[in-house]
Structures are given as structure tokens and as C-alpha cells.
Amino acid sequence: MIVDDEYVLMGSANINQRSMDGSRDTEIAMGANQPHYSWAGGKKAPRGQAFPHLSNPHIIPNFLLLQLVYEYRMSLWAENLGTLEECFSWPHSVECVQMVNEMAQENWGPGAM
């Protein structure tokens, strides 16, 4: 589950008889976030953390932008929808919702996929 481009939860943490037995099945999940660049502290959408890249300390530092959660979500959308559109950066937008709904309709029914 990707919550909002700053938090991702990956894994399988289902509670069921097999996982509660202790000897048959195990479940695990991992959560990760980017705390230095988030909705809470910023005025715009999370798009990663900026870290100084000190390849040459004698010049103004370049910044390495890590967009790990955002990039992971975008890669999943590209893999599963077969394309990467600009509107995917804003999944809550009307344009994005309409595009994904159109793709779903095209892939629905006999012979699709």
C-alpha cells in the first residue's frame, strides 16, 4: 500500500489461523517513509528528500534528490497500466481518475489482457 508518496507499506501481514499457529505460516510487513520531506512540513506534494551531494566541497553543493516512495509508486503504475502519463503524478486529479477508468474499461471483459 502506498499512502501518499511519502509512506509505503509493503508485505503480507494477514492475521489468520495459519499465521497464528506459529509453526506453519509467517507474515511480515515493512513500512517506510521519507520524514525530511513530507506533506506536514511542506507547501507542496512530497517528491523526495534532498541531500547535499558533496562531490566537490569547493563549489556550492549539488543536491541529490531521492524520490524513493514516489518513484516506486510511479514504477508500479507504469508496469501495471503499460504507460507513464504526466497526470499519474497527481492520482487524485480528475484527469488521472478518468484516464485510469478508461484504461480499466478497455481491459475489462472477455479476451482482455
Protein backbone atom coordinates (compact mmCIF):
# COMPACT_ATOMS: atom_id res chain seq x y z
CA MET A 1 0.00 0.00 0.00
CA ILE A 2 1.36 3.40 -0.94
CA VAL A 3 -0.28 6.03 1.20
CA ASP A 4 0.70 9.40 -0.25
CA ASP A 5 4.14 9.39 -1.92
CA GLU A 6 5.82 9.76 1.47
CA TYR A 7 4.81 6.47 3.15
CA VAL A 8 4.78 2.94 1.75
CA LEU A 9 3.74 -0.29 3.47
CA MET A 10 4.94 -3.48 1.78
CA GLY A 11 4.38 -7.06 2.79
CA SER A 12 1.78 -9.52 3.89
CA ALA A 13 0.59 -9.17 7.44
CA ASN A 14 -2.67 -11.08 7.47
CA ILE A 15 -3.97 -12.46 10.73
CA ASN A 16 -5.33 -15.94 10.17
CA GLN A 17 -5.22 -19.40 11.72
CA ARG A 18 -2.09 -20.44 9.79
CA SER A 19 -0.09 -17.39 10.85
CA MET A 20 -1.24 -17.61 14.48
CA ASP A 21 -0.18 -21.28 14.73
CA GLY A 22 3.47 -20.27 14.88
CA SER A 23 4.84 -23.26 13.02
CA ARG A 24 3.09 -23.23 9.67
CA ASP A 25 2.99 -19.80 8.09
CA THR A 26 4.62 -16.47 8.77
CA GLU A 27 3.57 -12.97 7.86
CA ILE A 28 5.71 -9.86 7.63
CA ALA A 29 5.27 -6.26 6.53
CA MET A 30 7.61 -3.29 6.37
CA GLY A 31 6.71 0.39 6.44
CA ALA A 32 8.96 3.19 5.20
CA ASN A 33 8.65 6.94 4.93
CA GLN A 34 10.69 9.97 3.97
CA PRO A 35 10.41 12.14 7.09
CA HIS A 36 12.54 15.06 5.95
CA TYR A 37 10.24 15.88 3.06
CA SER A 38 6.59 15.38 3.73
CA TRP A 39 3.14 16.96 3.44
CA ALA A 40 3.34 18.06 7.08
CA GLY A 41 6.35 20.33 6.67
CA GLY A 42 5.98 21.45 3.09
CA LYS A 43 3.67 23.52 1.00
CA LYS A 44 3.64 21.05 -1.87
CA ALA A 45 3.42 17.34 -2.58
CA PRO A 46 6.20 15.08 -1.34
CA ARG A 47 8.61 14.31 -4.15
CA GLY A 48 11.58 13.04 -2.19
CA GLN A 49 14.31 14.16 0.15
CA ALA A 50 17.11 16.49 -0.87
CA PHE A 51 20.58 15.63 0.42
CA PRO A 52 23.78 17.62 -0.19
CA HIS A 53 25.94 15.86 -2.72
CA LEU A 54 29.48 16.85 -1.79
CA SER A 55 31.36 15.52 -4.79
CA ASN A 56 33.32 18.78 -4.82
CA PRO A 57 33.27 20.67 -1.49
CA HIS A 58 34.80 23.79 -3.10
CA ILE A 59 31.68 24.61 -5.05
CA ILE A 60 28.11 25.22 -3.98
CA PRO A 61 26.86 21.75 -3.11
CA ASN A 62 24.72 19.97 -5.61
CA PHE A 63 21.67 18.30 -4.20
CA LEU A 64 20.81 14.68 -4.72
CA LEU A 65 17.05 14.28 -4.75
CA LEU A 66 15.78 10.91 -3.55
CA GLN A 67 12.20 10.29 -4.54
CA LEU A 68 12.02 6.69 -3.43
CA VAL A 69 8.36 6.31 -2.44
CA TYR A 70 7.12 8.49 -5.30
CA GLU A 71 9.31 6.70 -7.84
CA TYR A 72 8.21 3.30 -6.55
CA ARG A 73 4.54 4.26 -6.98
CA MET A 74 5.17 5.62 -10.46
CA SER A 75 7.04 2.45 -11.48
CA LEU A 76 4.13 0.30 -10.27
CA TRP A 77 1.64 2.40 -12.22
CA ALA A 78 3.79 2.22 -15.36
CA GLU A 79 4.23 -1.54 -15.05
CA ASN A 80 0.56 -2.27 -14.40
CA LEU A 81 -1.01 0.29 -16.74
CA GLY A 82 1.54 -0.09 -19.53
CA THR A 83 2.23 3.63 -19.81
CA LEU A 84 3.54 6.55 -17.79
CA GLU A 85 1.44 9.68 -18.05
CA GLU A 86 2.05 13.11 -16.52
CA CYS A 87 -1.28 13.00 -14.70
CA PHE A 88 -0.09 9.94 -12.73
CA SER A 89 1.93 12.37 -10.59
CA TRP A 90 -1.40 13.58 -9.20
CA PRO A 91 -3.51 10.43 -8.72
CA HIS A 92 -6.30 12.39 -7.01
CA SER A 93 -6.84 14.63 -10.05
CA VAL A 94 -9.96 14.26 -12.20
CA GLU A 95 -7.77 13.79 -15.29
CA CYS A 96 -5.91 10.86 -13.71
CA VAL A 97 -9.07 9.19 -12.41
CA GLN A 98 -10.72 9.47 -15.85
CA MET A 99 -7.66 8.08 -17.63
CA VAL A 100 -7.34 5.09 -15.29
CA ASN A 101 -11.09 4.41 -15.55
CA GLU A 102 -10.85 4.46 -19.36
CA MET A 103 -7.93 2.00 -19.24
CA ALA A 104 -9.90 -0.25 -16.90
CA GLN A 105 -12.89 -0.24 -19.25
CA GLU A 106 -10.65 -1.13 -22.21
CA ASN A 107 -9.19 -4.08 -20.30
CA TRP A 108 -12.48 -5.35 -18.91
CA GLY A 109 -14.27 -8.32 -20.38
CA PRO A 110 -13.58 -11.43 -22.42
CA GLY A 111 -10.31 -11.53 -24.29
CA ALA A 112 -8.81 -8.57 -22.47
CA MET A 113 -5.27 -8.99 -21.22
